[in-house]
């Protein structure tokens, strides 16, 4: 290894790079600031190469390298990815995809001005939730409704507006932490509510709530908070009161009952176990229910408050409501989603359709993907795969389906993430598996192309056709019927 440090004096300055004709032309397209950042990065990389003793031939900072770095600098950071994990409401991947009609509403509203905060009838200032409140009330059976930017915000707003300075009585079994470090005790603290724990981790009775309320000093402001456990479940020796029982107690004491429900389902896809819905919670006596728009509702990220008009109005006028307010694109997407339910078309929403997909349909989809991947010479096979609803909804449910397993591990998984479009797959038994539940039929060719390109970048050299793991049916050349592909090492986890 040669000492290349004398070549450090040959490195050009940033201004010298920017003065090149190609760089001036590039600055005209992407801006001088971007080119300057790219030039600095390229110079720094050249310096590292020299200090590492790498042999350097030709120009130390070539135009092509600056151009490549500038392209990376101007490329979007937020990208559409293909979800091949089998988790439908994947929080890290944006949860529920929007239906094309909801997207069209966003485009229409975002492309110009809108009546976001003006009453077109009176010409006076209106309220942001006005476009969706009637739909929410009709569909969920609520007196009033309000939409903010997410469910954690809705919970914080409700607690601050209705319980600040007072006590919130919560079961110990519901003091949960969900994704992103969201902890119920910390939200209570931020809202100004004092946490009063009742019961035990696994068993809490109405009498525990009543006893805690009895022990509060006279005149203390109080509320009862019920929290959905979201991404886990208590099983075995457990007990908890029904919403109706808590409602009776809250009415007896003249305090509100809040239900932080989360998932927000209007209808549960076939095959899922029965789960509490916001409409049912309201019918059984909850005064205010808090749900997400982007979980089982299948719409955009939103926090929705449903319930008694007086309580919703107090939340609307609280100062936090402005800090958490929804923007026009959220409102447009939510309205578009709700209209589909109103028209009896909720099953068409992408999340609902993905959850309800049958094992047979998914196996056929996986077979088509395997055929496309096999045409690129990548060894793969169709396998059983088990999906999840995700998003903290029905955590114990398992969704039987299918996927395509490629005989490669971490390296291929990483290359798939770096592709265009990025593909997020799963690793099982040292194989990369693409669960097809969340891949639309129109995504299959894109996914196959991404797999083939990623395979080639990982320096694998497949020796022959893709074959079935049991019967040797060739899938790399001629079309095959779904039955031609048999299960290999069925996967039981996602």
Protein backbone atom coordinates (compact mmCIF):
# COMPACT_ATOMS: atom_id res chain seq x y z
CA UNK A 1 0.00 0.00 0.00
CA UNK A 2 1.50 3.28 -1.09
CA UNK A 3 1.51 6.44 0.97
CA UNK A 4 -0.73 8.68 -1.10
CA UNK A 5 -0.76 11.59 1.29
CA UNK A 6 1.25 13.84 -1.03
CA UNK A 7 -1.70 13.63 -3.41
CA UNK A 8 -3.86 15.45 -0.86
CA UNK A 9 -2.39 18.69 -2.27
CA UNK A 10 -3.90 17.76 -5.63
CA UNK A 11 -7.46 17.74 -4.30
CA UNK A 12 -9.49 20.57 -5.85
CA UNK A 13 -11.32 23.13 -3.75
CA UNK A 14 -15.11 23.27 -3.71
CA UNK A 15 -15.01 26.47 -5.79
CA UNK A 16 -12.80 24.79 -8.39
CA UNK A 17 -15.26 21.94 -8.75
CA UNK A 18 -18.21 24.34 -8.98
CA UNK A 19 -16.44 26.30 -11.72
CA UNK A 20 -16.37 23.31 -14.09
CA UNK A 21 -18.75 23.65 -17.07
CA UNK A 22 -20.58 20.43 -16.22
CA UNK A 23 -21.09 21.58 -12.65
CA UNK A 24 -22.39 24.99 -13.73
CA UNK A 25 -24.90 23.24 -15.98
CA UNK A 26 -25.88 20.93 -13.14
CA UNK A 27 -26.36 23.91 -10.78
CA UNK A 28 -28.75 25.39 -13.32
CA UNK A 29 -30.93 22.27 -13.00
CA UNK A 30 -30.78 21.42 -9.31
CA UNK A 31 -29.44 24.57 -7.66
CA UNK A 32 -25.97 25.68 -6.62
CA UNK A 33 -26.50 24.67 -2.98
CA UNK A 34 -27.12 21.03 -3.91
CA UNK A 35 -24.05 20.92 -6.17
CA UNK A 36 -21.93 22.48 -3.42
CA UNK A 37 -23.01 19.78 -0.94
CA UNK A 38 -22.29 17.07 -3.50
CA UNK A 39 -18.88 18.56 -4.29
CA UNK A 40 -17.91 18.65 -0.63
CA UNK A 41 -18.99 15.02 -0.21
CA UNK A 42 -17.01 13.93 -3.28
CA UNK A 43 -13.88 15.76 -2.11
CA UNK A 44 -14.19 14.22 1.35
CA UNK A 45 -14.57 10.76 -0.17
CA UNK A 46 -11.49 11.30 -2.33
CA UNK A 47 -9.52 12.40 0.72
CA UNK A 48 -10.52 9.21 2.55
CA UNK A 49 -9.46 7.08 -0.39
CA UNK A 50 -6.06 8.76 -0.52
CA UNK A 51 -5.48 8.37 3.22
CA UNK A 52 -6.50 4.72 2.98
CA UNK A 53 -3.79 4.20 0.39
CA UNK A 54 -6.16 3.31 -2.43
CA UNK A 55 -4.62 3.59 -5.84
CA UNK A 56 -6.00 6.62 -7.65
CA UNK A 57 -5.87 6.95 -11.39
CA UNK A 58 -7.24 9.88 -13.31
CA UNK A 59 -9.14 12.77 -11.81
CA UNK A 60 -9.48 12.63 -8.04
CA UNK A 61 -12.96 14.20 -8.00
CA UNK A 62 -14.61 13.27 -11.31
CA UNK A 63 -17.73 15.02 -12.54
CA UNK A 64 -19.61 11.72 -12.60
CA UNK A 65 -19.18 11.23 -8.87
CA UNK A 66 -20.43 14.74 -8.08
CA UNK A 67 -23.38 14.20 -10.41
CA UNK A 68 -24.28 10.91 -8.72
CA UNK A 69 -24.13 12.50 -5.29
CA UNK A 70 -26.24 15.45 -6.45
CA UNK A 71 -28.85 13.05 -7.77
CA UNK A 72 -28.98 11.31 -4.41
CA UNK A 73 -29.31 14.68 -2.67
CA UNK A 74 -32.29 15.67 -4.82
CA UNK A 75 -34.01 12.28 -4.75
CA UNK A 76 -37.15 12.10 -2.55
CA UNK A 77 -36.54 10.82 0.96
CA UNK A 78 -40.09 9.59 1.48
CA UNK A 79 -40.69 6.77 -0.99
CA UNK A 80 -43.43 4.36 -1.92
CA UNK A 81 -42.32 0.87 -0.95
CA UNK A 82 -43.72 -2.58 -1.66
CA UNK A 83 -44.91 -4.25 1.52
CA UNK A 84 -43.99 -7.93 1.35
CA UNK A 85 -44.10 -8.51 5.11
CA UNK A 86 -47.68 -9.79 5.35
CA UNK A 87 -48.45 -7.16 8.02
CA UNK A 88 -51.36 -5.14 6.66
CA UNK A 89 -51.36 -2.15 9.01
CA UNK A 90 -47.58 -1.93 9.27
CA UNK A 91 -46.83 1.15 11.37
CA UNK A 92 -43.30 1.55 9.99
CA UNK A 93 -44.67 1.46 6.45
CA UNK A 94 -47.46 3.99 6.93
CA UNK A 95 -50.29 1.67 7.99
CA UNK A 96 -53.39 1.65 5.78
CA UNK A 97 -52.93 2.51 2.08
CA UNK A 98 -55.57 4.90 0.79
CA UNK A 99 -58.20 3.92 -1.73
CA UNK A 100 -57.88 5.62 -5.12
CA UNK A 101 -61.08 7.58 -4.50
CA UNK A 102 -59.70 8.99 -1.24
CA UNK A 103 -56.47 9.85 -3.08
CA UNK A 104 -58.50 11.65 -5.76
CA UNK A 105 -60.18 13.74 -3.06
CA UNK A 106 -56.75 14.70 -1.67
CA UNK A 107 -55.49 15.71 -5.11
CA UNK A 108 -58.62 17.76 -5.80
CA UNK A 109 -58.51 19.61 -2.50
CA UNK A 110 -54.72 20.06 -2.34
CA UNK A 111 -54.43 21.43 -5.88
CA UNK A 112 -56.18 24.68 -5.03
CA UNK A 113 -58.06 26.51 -2.31
CA UNK A 114 -60.85 24.87 -0.31
CA UNK A 115 -63.61 25.67 2.17
CA UNK A 116 -61.50 24.22 4.98
CA UNK A 117 -62.57 26.84 7.52
CA UNK A 118 -65.39 28.75 5.89
CA UNK A 119 -69.12 28.09 5.95
CA UNK A 120 -70.18 28.54 2.32
CA UNK A 121 -73.78 29.12 3.41
CA UNK A 122 -73.13 32.00 5.79
CA UNK A 123 -69.75 33.20 4.59
CA UNK A 124 -68.50 33.06 8.18
CA UNK A 125 -65.58 31.17 9.61
CA UNK A 126 -66.32 27.48 9.94
CA UNK A 127 -64.68 24.51 11.67
CA UNK A 128 -62.24 22.03 10.18
CA UNK A 129 -64.20 18.99 11.25
CA UNK A 130 -67.38 20.24 9.57
CA UNK A 131 -66.70 18.23 6.39
CA UNK A 132 -66.45 14.90 8.23
CA UNK A 133 -68.46 15.35 11.44
CA UNK A 134 -71.87 14.49 9.89
CA UNK A 135 -70.42 11.35 8.30
CA UNK A 136 -68.70 10.27 11.52
CA UNK A 137 -71.86 10.82 13.56
CA UNK A 138 -74.00 8.90 11.07
CA UNK A 139 -71.63 5.94 10.68
CA UNK A 140 -70.64 5.55 14.34
CA UNK A 141 -73.90 6.65 15.97
CA UNK A 142 -72.29 9.55 17.85
CA UNK A 143 -73.82 12.85 18.96
CA UNK A 144 -70.74 14.78 17.86
CA UNK A 145 -67.29 14.20 16.40
CA UNK A 146 -63.98 15.96 15.95
CA UNK A 147 -60.86 15.02 13.97
CA UNK A 148 -57.24 15.83 14.88
CA UNK A 149 -53.92 14.67 13.47
CA UNK A 150 -53.55 11.30 15.26
CA UNK A 151 -55.06 9.15 17.98
CA UNK A 152 -52.35 9.89 20.53
CA UNK A 153 -53.18 13.56 20.00
CA UNK A 154 -56.89 12.84 20.42
CA UNK A 155 -56.18 11.09 23.72
CA UNK A 156 -53.98 13.91 24.98
CA UNK A 157 -56.55 16.51 23.94
CA UNK A 158 -59.46 14.71 25.61
CA UNK A 159 -57.57 14.21 28.86
CA UNK A 160 -56.36 17.82 28.93
CA UNK A 161 -59.79 19.25 28.12
CA UNK A 162 -61.80 17.02 30.46
CA UNK A 163 -59.44 16.00 33.23
CA UNK A 164 -56.60 18.48 33.69
CA UNK A 165 -56.07 19.21 37.35
CA UNK A 166 -58.08 16.17 38.33
CA UNK A 167 -57.75 12.41 38.56
CA UNK A 168 -57.98 9.75 35.85
CA UNK A 169 -58.87 6.30 37.16
CA UNK A 170 -57.24 3.55 35.07
CA UNK A 171 -56.86 -0.20 35.48
CA UNK A 172 -53.29 -1.37 36.08
CA UNK A 173 -53.76 -3.86 33.27
CA UNK A 174 -54.26 -0.96 30.85
CA UNK A 175 -51.18 1.13 31.67
CA UNK A 176 -49.63 0.09 28.40
CA UNK A 177 -46.80 1.14 26.15
CA UNK A 178 -47.35 0.85 22.42
CA UNK A 179 -45.18 1.66 19.41
CA UNK A 180 -42.89 4.67 19.48
CA UNK A 181 -42.67 4.73 23.28
CA UNK A 182 -46.28 5.91 23.75
CA UNK A 183 -46.99 5.24 27.43
CA UNK A 184 -50.36 5.89 29.02
CA UNK A 185 -48.93 7.16 32.35
CA UNK A 186 -46.75 9.71 30.53
CA UNK A 187 -49.65 10.95 28.41
CA UNK A 188 -51.69 11.38 31.57
CA UNK A 189 -48.87 13.36 33.14
CA UNK A 190 -48.57 15.64 30.10
CA UNK A 191 -52.30 16.26 30.08
CA UNK A 192 -52.30 17.47 33.66
CA UNK A 193 -54.26 14.47 34.96
CA UNK A 194 -53.22 12.61 38.08
CA UNK A 195 -53.08 8.87 37.51
CA UNK A 196 -55.06 6.72 39.94
CA UNK A 197 -54.30 3.02 39.40
CA UNK A 198 -56.89 0.41 40.29
CA UNK A 199 -57.05 -3.37 40.31
CA UNK A 200 -54.19 -5.63 39.35
CA UNK A 201 -52.43 -6.43 36.09
CA UNK A 202 -54.79 -9.28 35.24
CA UNK A 203 -57.98 -8.61 37.24
CA UNK A 204 -59.87 -5.38 37.78
CA UNK A 205 -63.49 -5.06 38.90
CA UNK A 206 -66.03 -2.24 38.96
CA UNK A 207 -65.69 -2.21 42.74
CA UNK A 208 -62.01 -1.24 42.33
CA UNK A 209 -62.99 1.87 40.35
CA UNK A 210 -65.70 2.76 42.87
CA UNK A 211 -63.33 2.40 45.82
CA UNK A 212 -60.73 4.64 44.16
CA UNK A 213 -63.34 7.32 43.46
CA UNK A 214 -64.54 7.13 47.07
CA UNK A 215 -61.01 7.85 48.28
CA UNK A 216 -60.61 11.05 46.28
CA UNK A 217 -60.93 14.32 48.24
CA UNK A 218 -64.37 15.93 48.00
CA UNK A 219 -64.75 18.10 44.92
CA UNK A 220 -61.93 16.45 43.00
CA UNK A 221 -62.40 16.51 39.25
CA UNK A 222 -62.28 12.95 37.94
CA UNK A 223 -62.87 10.70 34.96
CA UNK A 224 -62.65 6.99 34.17
CA UNK A 225 -60.30 6.02 31.37
CA UNK A 226 -60.55 2.68 29.58
CA UNK A 227 -57.55 1.85 27.36
CA UNK A 228 -57.44 -0.75 24.60
CA UNK A 229 -54.33 -2.92 25.02
CA UNK A 230 -53.55 -2.59 21.33
CA UNK A 231 -50.58 -4.83 20.49
CA UNK A 232 -50.91 -7.53 23.15
CA UNK A 233 -53.62 -9.43 24.99
CA UNK A 234 -54.12 -10.74 28.51
CA UNK A 235 -55.23 -14.37 28.59
CA UNK A 236 -55.84 -16.85 31.35
CA UNK A 237 -56.94 -15.83 34.84
CA UNK A 238 -58.30 -12.39 33.90
CA UNK A 239 -61.27 -10.18 34.61
CA UNK A 240 -62.34 -6.69 33.55
CA UNK A 241 -65.65 -4.85 33.69
CA UNK A 242 -67.78 -4.32 30.61
CA UNK A 243 -68.20 -0.83 29.20
CA UNK A 244 -71.82 -0.87 30.37
CA UNK A 245 -70.75 -1.51 33.97
CA UNK A 246 -68.24 1.34 33.91
CA UNK A 247 -70.83 3.57 32.27
CA UNK A 248 -73.30 2.93 35.08
CA UNK A 249 -70.65 3.86 37.65
CA UNK A 250 -69.60 7.01 35.80
CA UNK A 251 -73.21 8.19 35.56
CA UNK A 252 -73.79 7.47 39.22
CA UNK A 253 -70.75 9.61 40.09
CA UNK A 254 -71.43 12.28 37.47
CA UNK A 255 -68.06 11.87 35.73
CA UNK A 256 -67.22 11.05 32.09
CA UNK A 257 -66.12 7.64 30.83
CA UNK A 258 -63.40 7.89 28.15
CA UNK A 259 -62.51 4.92 25.96
CA UNK A 260 -59.15 5.06 24.17
CA UNK A 261 -60.05 2.34 21.68
CA UNK A 262 -57.50 2.84 18.93
CA UNK A 263 -58.41 0.64 16.00
CA UNK A 264 -61.60 2.39 14.87
CA UNK A 265 -63.22 -0.42 12.88
CA UNK A 266 -66.59 0.26 11.31
CA UNK A 267 -66.78 -3.30 10.05
CA UNK A 268 -64.50 -6.24 10.77
CA UNK A 269 -63.28 -8.20 7.74
CA UNK A 270 -64.48 -11.84 7.56
CA UNK A 271 -62.45 -14.27 9.62
CA UNK A 272 -61.33 -11.87 12.32
CA UNK A 273 -62.39 -12.50 15.92
CA UNK A 274 -64.99 -10.17 17.34
CA UNK A 275 -63.48 -6.99 18.73
CA UNK A 276 -64.91 -3.93 20.43
CA UNK A 277 -65.83 -1.22 17.94
CA UNK A 278 -66.37 2.48 18.55
CA UNK A 279 -70.06 2.23 17.63
CA UNK A 280 -70.56 -0.58 20.13
CA UNK A 281 -68.63 1.26 22.85
CA UNK A 282 -70.87 4.29 22.40
CA UNK A 283 -74.00 2.14 22.47
CA UNK A 284 -72.86 0.49 25.69
CA UNK A 285 -72.40 3.84 27.38
CA UNK A 286 -68.95 5.32 26.76
CA UNK A 287 -69.16 9.12 26.81
CA UNK A 288 -66.17 9.74 24.54
CA UNK A 289 -64.39 7.23 22.31
CA UNK A 290 -61.01 7.92 20.72
CA UNK A 291 -59.96 6.06 17.56
CA UNK A 292 -57.39 6.10 14.75
CA UNK A 293 -58.23 6.80 11.13
CA UNK A 294 -55.42 4.68 9.66
CA UNK A 295 -55.95 1.35 11.41
CA UNK A 296 -58.98 -0.85 10.77
CA UNK A 297 -60.92 2.16 9.50
CA UNK A 298 -58.56 2.04 6.50
CA UNK A 299 -58.12 5.78 6.01
CA UNK A 300 -55.44 8.41 6.65
CA UNK A 301 -53.59 8.95 9.91
CA UNK A 302 -56.07 10.79 12.10
CA UNK A 303 -57.34 10.95 15.65
CA UNK A 304 -61.12 10.91 15.91
CA UNK A 305 -63.14 11.88 18.97
CA UNK A 306 -66.70 10.51 19.08
CA UNK A 307 -69.36 10.96 21.73
CA UNK A 308 -71.38 13.39 23.80
CA UNK A 309 -71.76 16.79 22.21
CA UNK A 310 -70.82 18.75 25.33
CA UNK A 311 -67.59 16.79 25.77
CA UNK A 312 -66.61 17.03 22.11
CA UNK A 313 -67.26 20.79 22.15
CA UNK A 314 -65.01 21.22 25.18
CA UNK A 315 -62.27 19.40 23.29
CA UNK A 316 -62.79 21.51 20.16
CA UNK A 317 -62.28 24.81 21.99
CA UNK A 318 -59.29 23.66 24.08
CA UNK A 319 -56.00 25.35 23.05
CA UNK A 320 -54.43 21.96 22.26
CA UNK A 321 -57.04 21.44 19.56
CA UNK A 322 -55.33 24.05 17.39
CA UNK A 323 -51.90 22.51 17.96
CA UNK A 324 -53.24 19.09 16.93
CA UNK A 325 -55.56 20.19 14.15
CA UNK A 326 -55.93 18.20 10.96
CA UNK A 327 -54.86 19.68 7.64
CA UNK A 328 -56.95 19.80 4.47
CA UNK A 329 -55.38 16.70 2.94
CA UNK A 330 -56.16 14.61 6.02
CA UNK A 331 -59.75 15.86 6.05
CA UNK A 332 -60.15 15.16 2.33
CA UNK A 333 -58.78 11.61 2.61
CA UNK A 334 -60.90 10.89 5.67
CA UNK A 335 -64.03 12.16 3.96
CA UNK A 336 -63.31 10.03 0.89
CA UNK A 337 -62.83 6.95 3.07
CA UNK A 338 -66.00 7.54 5.08
CA UNK A 339 -68.03 8.05 1.91
CA UNK A 340 -67.05 4.56 0.80
CA UNK A 341 -68.48 3.10 4.01
CA UNK A 342 -71.62 5.16 3.57
CA UNK A 343 -72.02 3.69 0.07
CA UNK A 344 -71.63 0.16 1.44
CA UNK A 345 -68.21 -0.30 -0.20
CA UNK A 346 -65.94 -0.58 2.82
CA UNK A 347 -64.65 -3.97 1.67
CA UNK A 348 -62.99 -2.23 -1.30
CA UNK A 349 -60.58 -0.31 0.92
CA UNK A 350 -57.05 -1.71 0.45
CA UNK A 351 -56.55 -2.66 4.10
CA UNK A 352 -59.93 -4.37 4.32
CA UNK A 353 -59.30 -6.25 1.07
CA UNK A 354 -55.82 -7.38 2.18
CA UNK A 355 -57.10 -8.70 5.49
CA UNK A 356 -60.02 -10.50 3.84
CA UNK A 357 -57.94 -12.11 1.04
CA UNK A 358 -58.47 -15.88 0.96
CA UNK A 359 -55.62 -18.41 1.19
CA UNK A 360 -56.51 -19.69 -2.29
CA UNK A 361 -56.32 -16.22 -3.86
CA UNK A 362 -53.04 -15.53 -2.10
CA UNK A 363 -51.56 -18.82 -3.27
CA UNK A 364 -52.45 -17.97 -6.84
CA UNK A 365 -50.86 -14.54 -6.43
CA UNK A 366 -47.71 -16.08 -4.97
CA UNK A 367 -47.54 -18.53 -7.89
CA UNK A 368 -47.68 -15.67 -10.39
CA UNK A 369 -44.90 -13.87 -8.54
CA UNK A 370 -42.77 -17.04 -8.42
CA UNK A 371 -43.15 -17.50 -12.17
CA UNK A 372 -42.04 -13.91 -12.81
CA UNK A 373 -39.08 -14.21 -10.44
CA UNK A 374 -38.13 -17.57 -11.94
CA UNK A 375 -37.97 -16.08 -15.42
CA UNK A 376 -35.03 -14.04 -14.14
CA UNK A 377 -33.15 -17.17 -13.07
CA UNK A 378 -33.66 -16.67 -9.34
CA UNK A 379 -34.21 -19.91 -7.38
CA UNK A 380 -37.45 -19.59 -5.45
CA UNK A 381 -40.47 -21.54 -4.28
CA UNK A 382 -44.00 -20.87 -3.09
CA UNK A 383 -44.42 -21.36 0.65
CA UNK A 384 -47.10 -20.91 3.26
CA UNK A 385 -46.82 -17.63 5.16
CA UNK A 386 -48.75 -16.25 8.08
CA UNK A 387 -49.71 -12.59 8.07
CA UNK A 388 -50.87 -10.17 10.74
CA UNK A 389 -53.41 -7.36 10.87
CA UNK A 390 -50.86 -5.07 12.57
CA UNK A 391 -51.33 -1.56 13.86
CA UNK A 392 -52.19 -2.83 17.33
CA UNK A 393 -55.42 -4.42 16.05
CA UNK A 394 -56.56 -7.94 17.00
CA UNK A 395 -53.01 -8.89 18.07
CA UNK A 396 -53.74 -12.60 18.47
CA UNK A 397 -55.15 -13.09 14.99
CA UNK A 398 -53.19 -14.96 12.34
CA UNK A 399 -53.86 -14.59 8.63
CA UNK A 400 -52.98 -17.74 6.64
CA UNK A 401 -51.54 -16.95 3.25
CA UNK A 402 -48.65 -17.56 0.88
CA UNK A 403 -45.33 -16.09 -0.12
CA UNK A 404 -42.31 -16.62 -2.33
CA UNK A 405 -39.11 -17.82 -0.67
CA UNK A 406 -35.74 -17.02 -2.26
CA UNK A 407 -32.70 -19.01 -1.25
CA UNK A 408 -30.76 -16.02 0.09
CA UNK A 409 -30.64 -14.24 3.41
CA UNK A 410 -29.65 -10.87 4.87
CA UNK A 411 -27.72 -9.68 1.83
CA UNK A 412 -30.74 -10.01 -0.45
CA UNK A 413 -33.04 -8.49 2.17
CA UNK A 414 -30.77 -5.43 2.33
CA UNK A 415 -30.54 -5.10 -1.45
CA UNK A 416 -34.32 -5.26 -1.74
CA UNK A 417 -34.58 -2.30 0.61
CA UNK A 418 -32.15 -0.35 -1.58
CA UNK A 419 -33.96 -1.08 -4.83
CA UNK A 420 -36.34 0.99 -6.92
CA UNK A 421 -38.94 0.62 -5.65
CA UNK A 422 -37.73 -0.60 -2.26
CA UNK A 423 -39.22 -3.94 -1.24
CA UNK A 424 -39.63 -4.72 2.46
CA UNK A 425 -39.59 -8.51 2.89
CA UNK A 426 -39.00 -10.87 5.82
CA UNK A 427 -36.25 -13.31 6.79
CA UNK A 428 -37.22 -16.84 7.75
CA UNK A 429 -34.81 -19.74 8.22
CA UNK A 430 -32.07 -17.89 6.32
CA UNK A 431 -34.35 -17.33 3.33
CA UNK A 432 -35.89 -14.12 2.07
CA UNK A 433 -39.67 -14.45 1.93
CA UNK A 434 -42.02 -12.10 0.09
CA UNK A 435 -45.48 -12.47 1.60
CA UNK A 436 -47.96 -11.46 -1.13
CA UNK A 437 -50.90 -10.41 1.05
CA UNK A 438 -50.17 -6.69 0.73
CA UNK A 439 -48.95 -6.83 -2.87
CA UNK A 440 -51.57 -5.87 -5.41
CA UNK A 441 -51.75 -7.75 -8.69
CA UNK A 442 -50.32 -4.67 -10.39
CA UNK A 443 -47.33 -4.80 -8.00
CA UNK A 444 -46.19 -8.29 -8.96
CA UNK A 445 -44.09 -7.35 -11.99
CA UNK A 446 -42.44 -4.54 -10.02
CA UNK A 447 -41.70 -6.89 -7.13
CA UNK A 448 -40.31 -9.56 -9.43
CA UNK A 449 -38.05 -7.08 -11.21
CA UNK A 450 -36.81 -5.79 -7.85
CA UNK A 451 -35.99 -9.33 -6.69
CA UNK A 452 -34.13 -10.18 -9.89
CA UNK A 453 -32.06 -6.99 -9.78
CA UNK A 454 -31.32 -7.39 -6.07
CA UNK A 455 -30.30 -11.01 -6.64
CA UNK A 456 -27.88 -9.95 -9.36
CA UNK A 457 -26.35 -7.27 -7.12
CA UNK A 458 -25.68 -9.78 -4.35
CA UNK A 459 -23.28 -11.70 -6.64
CA UNK A 460 -25.34 -14.87 -6.60
CA UNK A 461 -25.00 -17.04 -9.66
CA UNK A 462 -28.01 -19.35 -9.96
CA UNK A 463 -27.17 -22.55 -11.75
CA UNK A 464 -30.50 -23.37 -13.35
CA UNK A 465 -34.21 -23.02 -13.48
CA UNK A 466 -36.38 -22.30 -10.47
CA UNK A 467 -37.85 -25.56 -9.27
CA UNK A 468 -40.50 -26.63 -6.86
CA UNK A 469 -39.03 -27.97 -3.64
CA UNK A 470 -40.92 -31.28 -3.77
CA UNK A 471 -41.95 -32.28 -7.25
CA UNK A 472 -39.32 -30.58 -9.38
CA UNK A 473 -41.85 -28.79 -11.62
CA UNK A 474 -39.98 -26.14 -13.58
CA UNK A 475 -41.27 -22.64 -13.13
CA UNK A 476 -38.55 -20.66 -14.84
CA UNK A 477 -39.74 -21.12 -18.42
CA UNK A 478 -43.29 -22.12 -19.30
CA UNK A 479 -46.40 -21.05 -17.40
CA UNK A 480 -47.61 -23.31 -14.60
CA UNK A 481 -50.94 -23.83 -12.90
CA UNK A 482 -51.21 -22.86 -9.20
CA UNK A 483 -51.12 -26.53 -8.27
CA UNK A 484 -47.69 -26.94 -9.86
CA UNK A 485 -46.08 -25.17 -6.91
CA UNK A 486 -46.08 -27.02 -3.61
CA UNK A 487 -45.24 -25.91 -0.10
CA UNK A 488 -41.64 -25.95 1.01
CA UNK A 489 -40.83 -25.44 4.69
CA UNK A 490 -44.15 -23.76 5.58
CA UNK A 491 -43.60 -20.52 7.44
CA UNK A 492 -45.53 -19.99 10.64
CA UNK A 493 -44.41 -16.53 11.64
CA UNK A 494 -44.32 -13.08 10.06
